[in-house]
Amino acid sequence: MLNSLRFKNIALFGNLEIDFDKGFTAFTGQTGSGKSIFVDTLNALLASKKTSLDNSLVAENSSFSSIEGIFSVLQTTKDWLNNQEFDVDEELIVTREWRLKDNKYKSRFRINGVLVNRDQISELRSLLVDFTLQGDTYILNDSLHQLRLLDSLGLKKTKESLSKVKQDWNIWNDSNLRLEQARVRINDSQKEFEEMQYIYQDLDKLELEDPNEQSKLEIDQNRLSNLLRLKEGVKSLLTRLSESLDEYPSILDHADFCINELKSLSQIDSSLEPIFESFYTITNNLNDLIYEINDYEKTLDIDPSFLNNLQVRLSTLKFYQKKYQRNIPALIRYKNELINSLSLQDSSNNINELSSVENKKRIIRDKSNKDLSNRRKAIALQLEDKLIRSLKKLGIPNVRFKVIFEQSEPTINGIDKVNFMFSANPGIPLGPLSETASGGEKSRVLLAIKAIFSTYDQSNLLIFDEIDSGVSGSVSSYVANLLCELSNHRQVFCVTHQPLIAAYADNHFTLKKSVISGYTKSIVINLRERADRQRELALLAGGEIVEANAYAASLLEHKAA
């Protein structure tokens, strides 16, 4: 419930603090006294996503203005605050403030002093306050909202059915998505598949395996192109290393001589043995080197056609690199990617299996939807009966009301689309409530709907702005009783011009307009004394002063009784 409301530099109200009590609170006052603007302040404090964020509530020439509401909260609100990581206490402070900066007002919201965004305030609004404002027909126009209202009457069982519908729809949707993706791949990607297949076969003919093949081939090409020079050089090396000429011993001959000489000398002087060992190692390495050069010489005996084949291969590799705009390593990766893509295309052909799974999930989904729809239709019959009985007491004796169901495409909310159909007069066919009901009838329907659903929703505060507009005196008593019943479950605010309804209130505020120092102000007065309430009710009743006072007194007597 709303415990108190504080204004600072708010148009018409200035600086003001008002404390509220539980139960049914009436707000009265002459036309233009600021009753609707008072409701606007609450609507601005807890702005919905559709609420205009204008600056009309800011007092003229004010650099800072604010509205602050202090609420005691239900468990659902505490849970929301915990999820949003706010500190949770028994009271909740919501603030809307305007600051003048660069000749423009900047507006922001706070929860317990912490800055929050509009989405958070909009979510909090639905937990703290339920507004029924003049011209407010969203309940009458919005089919989805009507469906949610219907579901809220079913409590636990409907929630269980809705949860089952959502779960089964998600499972079916997943299987259907896989099936559709497979069909798309088959129906729309055949050309792409054939192109990938062609490219793969084209690349497969290259037998690409080594990312470094081109560089190796270029090295071989360079070697083979200089084959004669290589052969001559190797022959010269071998001659100098190992082949003796007449008067020119080879390097190997010199090495052998040195080995023999060092061996003889080391037998005379043992200190030469390390030198002998080192030179012996060098000689062995020299022999190994000669063997390697001999082996290399053998590789130079190559068929001349091999160079031609190598050059053809290099030319082919360069052609494919240009054709596919990729180097050799990238071509190898591309080929592997094509293998994977082609294998996925092949696996998508198993349409029959995917279709069978989708069909089974769809049957389960449809059963859940049907069960929920049947439950909703049973609840709708109860709603129709309750609403018709209430509307008859609200002065529409020939009312007919029907919840019409239309089947829609399955969603996570089921297959139902509902429309509240209404007729107030005999011979007039049922039509959509938003189109066939008059302004006064809409007000009464809204009141009856709120009365039925108030015990099920989680709103702390119900606000009615002239919901009794167009209601005759004979019906006002029932409206007053209905508001009193609502106040047993929720705190109720009602702006009214009806003295009978105001008399039933547990708390009564009146708004009076006055001009102070050239500025119009609206004063909010809590009528705690019986005499003050009687005087206000008499003003609402109008007529002769004596008769109006007597009528006001009788209303309060009836309330007291």
Protein backbone atom coordinates (compact mmCIF):
# COMPACT_ATOMS: atom_id res chain seq x y z
CA MET A 1 0.00 0.00 0.00
CA LEU A 2 0.95 3.65 -0.40
CA ASN A 3 1.90 5.03 3.01
CA SER A 4 2.76 8.58 2.06
CA LEU A 5 3.30 10.90 -0.86
CA ARG A 6 5.66 13.89 -0.91
CA PHE A 7 5.71 16.71 -3.47
CA LYS A 8 8.43 19.30 -3.98
CA ASN A 9 7.78 22.14 -6.41
CA ILE A 10 4.97 20.27 -8.16
CA ALA A 11 2.52 22.32 -10.22
CA LEU A 12 -0.71 23.15 -8.37
CA PHE A 13 0.47 21.41 -5.18
CA GLY A 14 3.84 23.04 -4.47
CA ASN A 15 5.50 21.39 -1.46
CA LEU A 16 3.19 18.87 0.16
CA GLU A 17 3.29 15.68 2.25
CA ILE A 18 0.26 13.38 2.56
CA ASP A 19 -0.07 10.25 4.69
CA PHE A 20 -2.51 7.50 3.75
CA ASP A 21 -4.21 4.64 5.57
CA LYS A 22 -5.34 1.24 4.37
CA GLY A 23 -8.86 0.57 3.14
CA PHE A 24 -11.02 2.67 0.83
CA THR A 25 -9.95 6.31 0.36
CA ALA A 26 -12.14 8.80 -1.50
CA PHE A 27 -10.94 12.02 -3.15
CA THR A 28 -13.52 14.69 -3.79
CA GLY A 29 -13.60 18.35 -4.74
CA GLN A 30 -15.13 20.77 -7.16
CA THR A 31 -14.38 20.51 -10.87
CA GLY A 32 -10.92 21.92 -11.56
CA SER A 33 -9.72 21.49 -7.99
CA GLY A 34 -6.89 19.18 -9.09
CA LYS A 35 -8.26 15.68 -8.41
CA SER A 36 -7.22 14.25 -11.76
CA ILE A 37 -3.86 16.04 -11.59
CA PHE A 38 -3.34 14.36 -8.21
CA VAL A 39 -3.86 10.99 -9.92
CA ASP A 40 -1.49 12.15 -12.69
CA THR A 41 1.27 12.57 -10.11
CA LEU A 42 1.02 8.89 -9.19
CA ASN A 43 0.89 7.95 -12.86
CA ALA A 44 4.04 10.02 -13.44
CA LEU A 45 5.81 8.59 -10.38
CA LEU A 46 5.33 5.03 -11.63
CA ALA A 47 5.48 5.70 -15.35
CA SER A 48 4.68 2.85 -17.71
CA LYS A 49 6.41 2.45 -21.06
CA LYS A 50 3.43 4.22 -22.66
CA THR A 51 3.26 7.07 -20.14
CA SER A 52 4.38 10.41 -21.54
CA LEU A 53 7.48 11.75 -19.78
CA ASP A 54 6.57 15.43 -20.20
CA ASN A 55 7.34 18.16 -17.69
CA SER A 56 3.79 19.45 -17.14
CA LEU A 57 3.88 18.60 -13.42
CA VAL A 58 6.93 20.78 -12.75
CA ALA A 59 6.12 24.04 -10.98
CA GLU A 60 6.85 27.19 -12.99
CA ASN A 61 10.39 28.59 -12.57
CA SER A 62 11.47 25.55 -10.55
CA SER A 63 15.04 24.28 -10.96
CA PHE A 64 14.28 21.07 -9.07
CA SER A 65 11.01 19.18 -8.56
CA SER A 66 10.23 15.74 -7.20
CA ILE A 67 7.50 13.27 -6.34
CA GLU A 68 8.29 10.64 -3.72
CA GLY A 69 6.09 7.71 -2.76
CA ILE A 70 6.69 5.49 0.26
CA PHE A 71 5.13 2.03 -0.08
CA SER A 72 4.83 -1.02 2.15
CA VAL A 73 5.36 -4.02 -0.08
CA LEU A 74 4.05 -7.53 -0.69
CA GLN A 75 6.28 -10.58 -1.02
CA THR A 76 6.11 -10.48 -4.82
CA THR A 77 7.58 -6.96 -4.78
CA LYS A 78 10.28 -8.06 -2.33
CA ASP A 79 11.16 -10.92 -4.67
CA TRP A 80 11.46 -8.48 -7.58
CA LEU A 81 13.67 -6.16 -5.55
CA ASN A 82 15.91 -9.09 -4.59
CA ASN A 83 16.20 -10.13 -8.25
CA GLN A 84 17.17 -6.55 -9.13
CA GLU A 85 19.72 -6.60 -6.27
CA PHE A 86 18.13 -3.76 -4.28
CA ASP A 87 18.22 -3.56 -0.51
CA VAL A 88 14.88 -4.87 0.79
CA ASP A 89 13.09 -3.41 3.78
CA GLU A 90 9.49 -3.24 4.92
CA GLU A 91 9.13 0.09 3.11
CA LEU A 92 10.03 1.02 -0.45
CA ILE A 93 10.82 4.58 -1.58
CA VAL A 94 10.19 5.47 -5.24
CA THR A 95 11.26 8.92 -6.45
CA ARG A 96 10.76 10.84 -9.69
CA GLU A 97 12.77 14.04 -9.97
CA TRP A 98 13.22 16.82 -12.52
CA ARG A 99 16.33 19.02 -12.72
CA LEU A 100 16.71 22.08 -14.91
CA LYS A 101 19.90 21.94 -16.96
CA ASP A 102 20.72 24.07 -20.00
CA ASN A 103 17.12 25.36 -19.98
CA LYS A 104 15.81 21.80 -20.29
CA TYR A 105 14.35 19.52 -17.65
CA LYS A 106 16.06 16.18 -17.17
CA SER A 107 13.91 13.54 -15.51
CA ARG A 108 15.11 10.45 -13.67
CA PHE A 109 13.82 7.76 -11.33
CA ARG A 110 15.18 6.28 -8.13
CA ILE A 111 14.32 3.19 -6.09
CA ASN A 112 15.52 3.43 -2.49
CA GLY A 113 17.83 6.23 -3.62
CA VAL A 114 19.39 4.20 -6.46
CA LEU A 115 19.04 5.48 -10.03
CA VAL A 116 16.99 3.13 -12.22
CA ASN A 117 15.78 3.08 -15.82
CA ARG A 118 12.24 3.38 -17.11
CA ASP A 119 11.90 -0.33 -17.84
CA GLN A 120 12.53 -1.10 -14.17
CA ILE A 121 9.97 1.50 -13.06
CA SER A 122 7.45 0.07 -15.52
CA GLU A 123 7.93 -3.42 -14.08
CA LEU A 124 7.62 -2.08 -10.53
CA ARG A 125 4.43 -0.18 -11.46
CA SER A 126 2.60 -3.43 -12.24
CA LEU A 127 3.51 -4.74 -8.77
CA LEU A 128 2.60 -1.65 -6.77
CA VAL A 129 -0.34 0.06 -8.49
CA ASP A 130 -3.25 -0.81 -10.78
CA PHE A 131 -4.64 2.29 -12.51
CA THR A 132 -8.11 2.60 -13.99
CA LEU A 133 -8.12 6.09 -15.43
CA GLN A 134 -10.70 8.05 -17.40
CA GLY A 135 -10.78 6.74 -20.95
CA ASP A 136 -8.61 3.79 -19.94
CA THR A 137 -9.85 0.99 -22.21
CA TYR A 138 -6.76 -1.18 -22.67
CA ILE A 139 -8.56 -4.06 -20.92
CA LEU A 140 -11.40 -3.72 -23.40
CA ASN A 141 -9.21 -3.50 -26.52
CA ASP A 142 -6.28 -5.84 -25.91
CA SER A 143 -7.07 -9.47 -26.67
CA LEU A 144 -3.79 -10.67 -25.14
CA HIS A 145 -4.51 -8.78 -21.92
CA GLN A 146 -8.00 -10.28 -21.82
CA LEU A 147 -6.44 -13.73 -22.15
CA ARG A 148 -4.04 -13.01 -19.29
CA LEU A 149 -6.94 -11.88 -17.13
CA LEU A 150 -8.72 -15.13 -17.90
CA ASP A 151 -5.62 -17.15 -17.02
CA SER A 152 -5.24 -15.33 -13.71
CA LEU A 153 -8.61 -16.72 -12.57
CA GLY A 154 -7.38 -20.30 -12.95
CA LEU A 155 -4.63 -19.96 -10.37
CA LYS A 156 -2.38 -22.99 -9.86
CA LYS A 157 -3.91 -25.41 -12.39
CA THR A 158 -3.84 -22.89 -15.21
CA LYS A 159 -0.25 -21.98 -14.40
CA GLU A 160 0.66 -25.65 -14.59
CA SER A 161 -1.11 -25.99 -17.95
CA LEU A 162 0.57 -22.86 -19.28
CA SER A 163 3.96 -24.15 -18.18
CA LYS A 164 3.28 -27.48 -19.93
CA VAL A 165 2.15 -25.68 -23.10
CA LYS A 166 5.29 -23.52 -23.13
CA GLN A 167 7.56 -26.52 -22.56
CA ASP A 168 5.90 -28.66 -25.25
CA TRP A 169 5.84 -25.76 -27.73
CA ASN A 170 9.57 -25.13 -27.27
CA ILE A 171 10.37 -28.82 -27.75
CA TRP A 172 8.19 -28.99 -30.88
CA ASN A 173 9.62 -25.73 -32.21
CA ASP A 174 13.14 -27.08 -31.86
CA SER A 175 12.31 -30.24 -33.83
CA ASN A 176 10.37 -28.23 -36.43
CA LEU A 177 13.28 -25.84 -36.85
CA ARG A 178 15.66 -28.72 -37.54
CA LEU A 179 13.20 -30.17 -40.06
CA GLU A 180 12.74 -26.84 -41.84
CA GLN A 181 16.48 -26.24 -41.95
CA ALA A 182 16.95 -29.65 -43.55
CA ARG A 183 14.25 -28.90 -46.11
CA VAL A 184 15.76 -25.54 -46.93
CA ARG A 185 19.16 -27.09 -47.42
CA ILE A 186 17.68 -29.65 -49.79
CA ASN A 187 15.24 -27.43 -51.67
CA ASP A 188 17.16 -24.18 -51.84
CA SER A 189 20.79 -25.28 -51.75
CA GLN A 190 20.96 -27.93 -54.45
CA LYS A 191 22.81 -25.64 -56.82
CA GLU A 192 25.25 -24.68 -54.08
CA PHE A 193 25.71 -28.35 -53.25
CA GLU A 194 26.52 -29.19 -56.87
CA GLU A 195 28.96 -26.31 -57.10
CA MET A 196 30.72 -27.41 -53.90
CA GLN A 197 30.84 -30.93 -55.23
CA TYR A 198 32.43 -29.73 -58.51
CA ILE A 199 35.05 -27.64 -56.69
CA TYR A 200 35.87 -30.50 -54.34
CA GLN A 201 36.36 -32.92 -57.25
CA ASP A 202 38.44 -30.30 -59.07
CA LEU A 203 40.71 -29.81 -56.05
CA ASP A 204 40.80 -33.51 -55.29
CA LYS A 205 42.48 -34.12 -58.68
CA LEU A 206 45.40 -31.98 -57.51
CA GLU A 207 46.08 -34.41 -54.65
CA LEU A 208 47.14 -31.55 -52.41
CA GLU A 209 48.62 -32.73 -49.14
CA ASP A 210 51.81 -30.77 -48.40
CA PRO A 211 51.30 -27.02 -47.69
CA ASN A 212 54.97 -26.47 -48.63
CA GLU A 213 54.82 -28.37 -51.93
CA GLN A 214 55.24 -25.29 -54.13
CA SER A 215 58.35 -24.03 -52.34
CA LYS A 216 59.89 -27.49 -52.50
CA LEU A 217 59.13 -27.78 -56.21
CA GLU A 218 60.65 -24.38 -56.87
CA ILE A 219 63.84 -25.48 -55.07
CA ASP A 220 63.95 -28.66 -57.19
CA GLN A 221 63.30 -26.64 -60.34
CA ASN A 222 66.18 -24.34 -59.57
CA ARG A 223 68.45 -27.33 -58.90
CA LEU A 224 67.48 -29.14 -62.10
CA SER A 225 67.80 -26.02 -64.19
CA ASN A 226 71.48 -25.82 -63.05
CA LEU A 227 72.16 -29.55 -63.31
CA LEU A 228 75.28 -29.28 -65.54
CA ARG A 229 76.87 -26.72 -63.25
CA LEU A 230 76.13 -28.89 -60.22
CA LYS A 231 77.64 -31.98 -61.85
CA GLU A 232 80.81 -30.12 -62.81
CA GLY A 233 81.20 -28.65 -59.35
CA VAL A 234 80.63 -31.97 -57.58
CA LYS A 235 83.12 -33.71 -59.89
CA SER A 236 85.74 -31.06 -59.13
CA LEU A 237 85.12 -31.43 -55.39
CA LEU A 238 85.48 -35.20 -55.46
CA THR A 239 88.64 -34.97 -57.54
CA ARG A 240 90.30 -32.62 -55.09
CA LEU A 241 89.08 -34.52 -52.07
CA SER A 242 89.73 -38.13 -52.97
CA GLU A 243 91.18 -38.66 -56.45
CA SER A 244 95.01 -38.51 -56.84
CA LEU A 245 96.65 -37.12 -59.93
CA ASP A 246 100.23 -37.84 -60.92
CA GLU A 247 102.06 -35.15 -59.02
CA TYR A 248 99.01 -33.80 -57.14
CA PRO A 249 97.94 -35.90 -54.16
CA SER A 250 94.30 -35.48 -53.01
CA ILE A 251 93.26 -33.95 -49.75
CA LEU A 252 92.50 -37.44 -48.52
CA ASP A 253 96.09 -38.52 -49.44
CA HIS A 254 97.48 -35.61 -47.43
CA ALA A 255 95.23 -36.49 -44.51
CA ASP A 256 96.33 -40.13 -44.53
CA PHE A 257 99.99 -39.07 -44.57
CA CYS A 258 99.39 -36.73 -41.62
CA ILE A 259 97.66 -39.46 -39.66
CA ASN A 260 100.53 -41.90 -40.16
CA GLU A 261 103.12 -39.28 -39.30
CA LEU A 262 101.28 -38.16 -36.12
CA LYS A 263 100.89 -41.74 -35.08
CA SER A 264 104.66 -42.31 -35.32
CA LEU A 265 105.47 -39.07 -33.53
CA SER A 266 103.01 -39.73 -30.70
CA GLN A 267 104.78 -43.03 -30.01
CA ILE A 268 107.92 -40.96 -29.38
CA ASP A 269 106.14 -38.15 -27.54
CA SER A 270 102.87 -39.15 -25.90
CA SER A 271 101.87 -35.48 -25.52
CA LEU A 272 101.00 -35.57 -29.25
CA GLU A 273 98.33 -38.24 -28.72
CA PRO A 274 95.47 -35.69 -28.26
CA ILE A 275 96.46 -34.00 -31.50
CA PHE A 276 96.56 -37.37 -33.20
CA GLU A 277 93.04 -38.20 -31.89
CA SER A 278 91.67 -34.85 -33.06
CA PHE A 279 93.14 -35.19 -36.49
CA TYR A 280 91.92 -38.75 -36.71
CA THR A 281 88.38 -37.48 -36.02
CA ILE A 282 88.78 -34.83 -38.71
CA THR A 283 89.89 -37.46 -41.19
CA ASN A 284 86.87 -39.65 -40.42
CA ASN A 285 84.56 -36.64 -40.87
CA LEU A 286 86.27 -35.90 -44.18
CA ASN A 287 85.58 -39.47 -45.33
CA ASP A 288 81.92 -39.08 -44.29
CA LEU A 289 81.71 -35.82 -46.24
CA ILE A 290 83.13 -37.51 -49.35
CA TYR A 291 80.51 -40.28 -49.05
CA GLU A 292 77.72 -37.65 -48.79
CA ILE A 293 78.98 -35.83 -51.87
CA ASN A 294 79.11 -39.15 -53.72
CA ASP A 295 75.52 -39.83 -52.74
CA TYR A 296 74.48 -36.34 -53.85
CA GLU A 297 76.23 -36.93 -57.20
CA LYS A 298 74.02 -39.94 -57.79
CA THR A 299 70.89 -37.78 -57.39
CA LEU A 300 72.05 -35.71 -60.32
CA ASP A 301 71.51 -38.62 -62.66
CA ILE A 302 67.91 -37.57 -63.47
CA ASP A 303 65.71 -38.27 -66.45
CA PRO A 304 65.48 -34.99 -68.39
CA SER A 305 61.68 -35.40 -68.60
CA PHE A 306 61.47 -35.04 -64.81
CA LEU A 307 62.18 -31.31 -65.05
CA ASN A 308 59.41 -30.94 -67.57
CA ASN A 309 56.95 -32.79 -65.29
CA LEU A 310 57.98 -30.65 -62.34
CA GLN A 311 57.41 -27.45 -64.29
CA VAL A 312 53.99 -28.66 -65.42
CA ARG A 313 53.08 -29.35 -61.78
CA LEU A 314 54.22 -25.87 -60.72
CA SER A 315 52.22 -24.31 -63.52
CA THR A 316 49.11 -26.27 -62.49
CA LEU A 317 49.45 -25.21 -58.86
CA LYS A 318 49.79 -21.55 -59.84
CA PHE A 319 46.73 -21.80 -62.10
CA TYR A 320 44.56 -23.18 -59.27
CA GLN A 321 45.80 -20.56 -56.84
CA LYS A 322 44.73 -17.85 -59.25
CA LYS A 323 41.44 -19.62 -60.05
CA TYR A 324 40.31 -19.88 -56.41
CA GLN A 325 42.19 -16.84 -55.07
CA ARG A 326 43.91 -18.95 -52.40
CA ASN A 327 47.48 -20.08 -51.74
CA ILE A 328 48.39 -23.76 -51.37
CA PRO A 329 47.74 -24.03 -47.57
CA ALA A 330 44.40 -22.21 -48.04
CA LEU A 331 43.42 -24.54 -50.90
CA ILE A 332 44.04 -27.55 -48.64
CA ARG A 333 41.85 -25.98 -45.90
CA TYR A 334 39.18 -25.11 -48.46
CA LYS A 335 39.09 -28.71 -49.66
CA ASN A 336 38.65 -29.97 -46.08
CA GLU A 337 35.86 -27.44 -45.49
CA LEU A 338 34.11 -28.69 -48.60
CA ILE A 339 34.34 -32.25 -47.29
CA ASN A 340 32.60 -31.20 -44.07
CA SER A 341 29.95 -29.17 -45.90
CA LEU A 342 29.22 -32.00 -48.31
CA SER A 343 28.91 -34.46 -45.43
CA LEU A 344 26.40 -32.12 -43.69
CA GLN A 345 24.44 -31.83 -46.91
CA ASP A 346 24.31 -35.57 -47.15
CA SER A 347 23.11 -35.93 -43.53
CA SER A 348 20.31 -33.39 -44.10
CA ASN A 349 18.69 -35.76 -46.56
CA ASN A 350 17.25 -37.78 -43.72
CA ILE A 351 13.96 -35.89 -43.93
CA ASN A 352 11.81 -38.85 -42.99
CA GLU A 353 13.43 -39.26 -39.59
CA LEU A 354 13.26 -35.55 -38.81
CA SER A 355 9.65 -35.38 -40.00
CA SER A 356 8.69 -38.30 -37.77
CA VAL A 357 10.22 -36.61 -34.70
CA GLU A 358 8.47 -33.32 -35.51
CA ASN A 359 5.12 -35.06 -35.93
CA LYS A 360 5.38 -36.76 -32.52
CA LYS A 361 6.30 -33.49 -30.81
CA ARG A 362 3.45 -31.70 -32.59
CA ILE A 363 0.91 -34.22 -31.31
CA ILE A 364 2.13 -33.65 -27.74
CA ARG A 365 2.03 -29.87 -28.28
CA ASP A 366 -1.52 -29.99 -29.65
CA LYS A 367 -2.74 -32.06 -26.72
CA SER A 368 -1.30 -29.57 -24.23
CA ASN A 369 -2.91 -26.71 -26.16
CA LYS A 370 -6.28 -28.45 -26.19
CA ASP A 371 -6.14 -29.17 -22.45
CA LEU A 372 -5.32 -25.52 -21.73
CA SER A 373 -8.02 -24.27 -24.08
CA ASN A 374 -10.65 -26.48 -22.40
CA ARG A 375 -9.58 -25.17 -19.00
CA ARG A 376 -9.81 -21.59 -20.24
CA LYS A 377 -13.30 -22.16 -21.65
CA ALA A 378 -14.49 -23.53 -18.30
CA ILE A 379 -13.02 -20.48 -16.53
CA ALA A 380 -14.64 -18.21 -19.14
CA LEU A 381 -18.09 -19.58 -18.22
CA GLN A 382 -17.44 -18.68 -14.58
CA LEU A 383 -16.27 -15.20 -15.59
CA GLU A 384 -19.36 -14.66 -17.73
CA ASP A 385 -21.65 -15.63 -14.87
CA LYS A 386 -19.86 -13.44 -12.29
CA LEU A 387 -19.64 -10.45 -14.60
CA ILE A 388 -23.27 -10.59 -15.70
CA ARG A 389 -24.50 -10.77 -12.09
CA SER A 390 -22.27 -7.84 -11.13
CA LEU A 391 -23.26 -5.71 -14.14
CA LYS A 392 -26.96 -6.24 -13.44
CA LYS A 393 -26.40 -4.84 -9.97
CA LEU A 394 -24.49 -1.99 -11.59
CA GLY A 395 -27.61 -0.91 -13.48
CA ILE A 396 -27.39 -2.88 -16.73
CA PRO A 397 -30.35 -5.27 -16.26
CA ASN A 398 -30.39 -6.72 -19.77
CA VAL A 399 -26.65 -7.21 -20.07
CA ARG A 400 -25.23 -10.10 -22.04
CA PHE A 401 -21.55 -10.94 -21.90
CA LYS A 402 -19.68 -13.68 -23.71
CA VAL A 403 -16.03 -14.67 -24.02
CA ILE A 404 -15.55 -15.69 -27.65
CA PHE A 405 -12.66 -18.02 -28.45
CA GLU A 406 -10.87 -18.09 -31.78
CA GLN A 407 -8.19 -20.63 -32.59
CA SER A 408 -4.88 -19.11 -33.61
CA GLU A 409 -1.51 -20.49 -34.58
CA PRO A 410 0.09 -22.28 -31.61
CA THR A 411 2.45 -20.17 -29.51
CA ILE A 412 3.95 -20.45 -26.04
CA ASN A 413 0.60 -19.05 -24.81
CA GLY A 414 -1.47 -21.74 -26.47
CA ILE A 415 -3.91 -21.57 -29.38
CA ASP A 416 -6.54 -19.21 -27.96
CA LYS A 417 -7.44 -15.69 -28.98
CA VAL A 418 -10.27 -14.27 -26.92
CA ASN A 419 -12.60 -11.33 -27.32
CA PHE A 420 -14.95 -9.98 -24.66
CA MET A 421 -18.36 -9.57 -26.36
CA PHE A 422 -21.03 -7.34 -24.86
CA SER A 423 -24.60 -6.20 -25.33
CA ALA A 424 -26.54 -3.93 -22.97
CA ASN A 425 -29.95 -3.95 -24.67
CA PRO A 426 -32.43 -6.60 -25.90
CA GLY A 427 -32.34 -7.13 -29.64
CA ILE A 428 -28.82 -5.72 -29.95
CA PRO A 429 -26.39 -8.46 -31.02
CA LEU A 430 -23.23 -9.14 -29.10
CA GLY A 431 -20.28 -7.08 -30.26
CA PRO A 432 -16.73 -6.36 -29.11
CA LEU A 433 -16.90 -4.71 -25.70
CA SER A 434 -14.68 -1.80 -26.79
CA GLU A 435 -17.08 -0.97 -29.65
CA THR A 436 -20.58 -1.62 -28.33
CA ALA A 437 -20.48 -0.30 -24.75
CA SER A 438 -21.18 3.35 -23.98
CA GLY A 439 -18.80 5.42 -21.87
CA GLY A 440 -20.76 4.83 -18.68
CA GLU A 441 -21.14 1.12 -19.47
CA LYS A 442 -17.42 0.80 -20.10
CA SER A 443 -16.74 2.37 -16.71
CA ARG A 444 -19.01 -0.10 -14.99
CA VAL A 445 -17.59 -3.06 -16.91
CA LEU A 446 -14.09 -1.98 -15.91
CA LEU A 447 -15.18 -1.71 -12.28
CA ALA A 448 -16.82 -5.15 -12.37
CA ILE A 449 -13.76 -6.69 -14.01
CA LYS A 450 -11.42 -5.12 -11.47
CA ALA A 451 -13.67 -6.35 -8.67
CA ILE A 452 -13.49 -9.93 -9.95
CA PHE A 453 -9.76 -9.94 -10.62
CA SER A 454 -8.56 -7.88 -7.65
CA THR A 455 -8.44 -10.90 -5.36
CA TYR A 456 -6.18 -12.72 -7.84
CA ASP A 457 -3.67 -10.10 -8.97
CA GLN A 458 -0.77 -8.80 -6.91
CA SER A 459 -1.30 -5.02 -7.13
CA ASN A 460 -1.05 -3.25 -3.79
CA LEU A 461 -3.08 -0.18 -4.70
CA LEU A 462 -6.15 0.12 -6.92
CA ILE A 463 -6.74 3.63 -8.31
CA PHE A 464 -10.08 4.57 -9.89
CA ASP A 465 -10.41 8.00 -11.50
CA GLU A 466 -14.15 8.79 -11.73
CA ILE A 467 -14.98 5.14 -12.46
CA ASP A 468 -18.52 6.02 -11.29
CA SER A 469 -19.00 8.51 -14.12
CA GLY A 470 -22.49 8.20 -15.62
CA VAL A 471 -23.72 5.95 -12.80
CA SER A 472 -27.17 6.79 -11.47
CA GLY A 473 -27.97 7.17 -7.79
CA SER A 474 -29.71 3.80 -7.60
CA VAL A 475 -26.51 2.08 -8.74
CA SER A 476 -24.12 4.18 -6.67
CA SER A 477 -24.84 2.15 -3.55
CA TYR A 478 -23.71 -1.05 -5.27
CA VAL A 479 -20.61 0.72 -6.65
CA ALA A 480 -19.80 1.93 -3.14
CA ASN A 481 -20.23 -1.55 -1.70
CA LEU A 482 -18.10 -2.99 -4.49
CA LEU A 483 -15.30 -0.54 -3.73
CA CYS A 484 -15.56 -1.42 -0.05
CA GLU A 485 -15.25 -5.13 -0.90
CA LEU A 486 -12.19 -4.37 -3.02
CA SER A 487 -10.63 -2.52 -0.10
CA ASN A 488 -10.78 -5.72 1.96
CA HIS A 489 -8.09 -7.12 -0.34
CA ARG A 490 -6.31 -3.99 -1.54
CA GLN A 491 -5.84 -0.35 -0.70
CA VAL A 492 -8.31 1.54 -2.91
CA PHE A 493 -8.20 5.17 -4.10
CA CYS A 494 -11.24 6.58 -5.87
CA VAL A 495 -11.75 10.05 -7.32
CA THR A 496 -15.52 10.61 -7.24
CA HIS A 497 -18.28 13.19 -7.55
CA GLN A 498 -20.83 10.88 -5.92
CA PRO A 499 -21.59 11.74 -2.27
CA LEU A 500 -22.97 8.27 -1.63
CA ILE A 501 -19.70 6.63 -2.76
CA ALA A 502 -17.54 9.08 -0.84
CA ALA A 503 -19.59 8.40 2.31
CA TYR A 504 -18.66 4.72 2.16
CA ALA A 505 -14.94 5.50 2.22
CA ASP A 506 -12.80 4.70 5.24
CA ASN A 507 -10.71 7.81 4.52
CA HIS A 508 -11.77 11.00 2.82
CA PHE A 509 -9.64 13.75 1.25
CA THR A 510 -10.97 16.86 -0.40
CA LEU A 511 -9.08 19.10 -2.79
CA LYS A 512 -9.73 22.84 -2.77
CA LYS A 513 -8.28 25.39 -5.16
CA SER A 514 -7.13 28.78 -3.91
CA VAL A 515 -5.06 31.71 -5.18
CA ILE A 516 -2.04 32.63 -3.04
CA SER A 517 0.18 35.58 -4.00
CA GLY A 518 -1.12 35.42 -7.54
CA TYR A 519 -0.47 31.66 -7.93
CA THR A 520 -3.17 28.98 -8.05
CA LYS A 521 -2.70 26.28 -5.44
CA SER A 522 -4.59 23.10 -4.71
CA ILE A 523 -4.84 22.20 -1.04
CA VAL A 524 -5.35 18.56 -0.02
CA ILE A 525 -7.32 18.25 3.21
CA ASN A 526 -7.78 15.04 5.18
CA LEU A 527 -11.36 15.12 6.47
CA ARG A 528 -10.93 13.29 9.75
CA GLU A 529 -13.85 14.86 11.61
CA ARG A 530 -17.41 13.76 10.95
CA ALA A 531 -18.62 17.36 10.66
CA ASP A 532 -16.02 18.11 7.98
CA ARG A 533 -17.02 15.04 6.00
CA GLN A 534 -20.69 15.91 6.30
CA ARG A 535 -20.03 19.42 5.01
CA GLU A 536 -18.09 18.06 2.01
CA LEU A 537 -20.78 15.47 1.19
CA ALA A 538 -23.43 18.19 1.34
CA LEU A 539 -21.44 20.26 -1.16
CA LEU A 540 -21.27 17.25 -3.46
CA ALA A 541 -25.01 16.63 -3.11
CA GLY A 542 -25.87 20.27 -3.97
CA GLY A 543 -29.45 21.48 -3.71
CA GLU A 544 -30.85 23.37 -0.71
CA ILE A 545 -28.40 23.62 2.17
CA VAL A 546 -30.77 22.09 4.73
CA GLU A 547 -31.74 19.17 2.49
CA ALA A 548 -28.15 18.54 1.40
CA ASN A 549 -26.93 18.51 5.01
CA ALA A 550 -29.66 16.11 5.99
CA TYR A 551 -28.80 13.83 3.05
CA ALA A 552 -25.08 13.94 3.92
CA ALA A 553 -25.82 13.14 7.55
CA SER A 554 -28.00 10.17 6.53
CA LEU A 555 -25.22 8.83 4.33
CA LEU A 556 -22.73 8.91 7.17
CA GLU A 557 -25.28 7.34 9.52
CA HIS A 558 -25.78 4.52 7.04
CA LYS A 559 -22.02 4.05 6.74
CA ALA A 560 -21.63 3.98 10.52
CA ALA A 561 -24.43 1.45 10.83
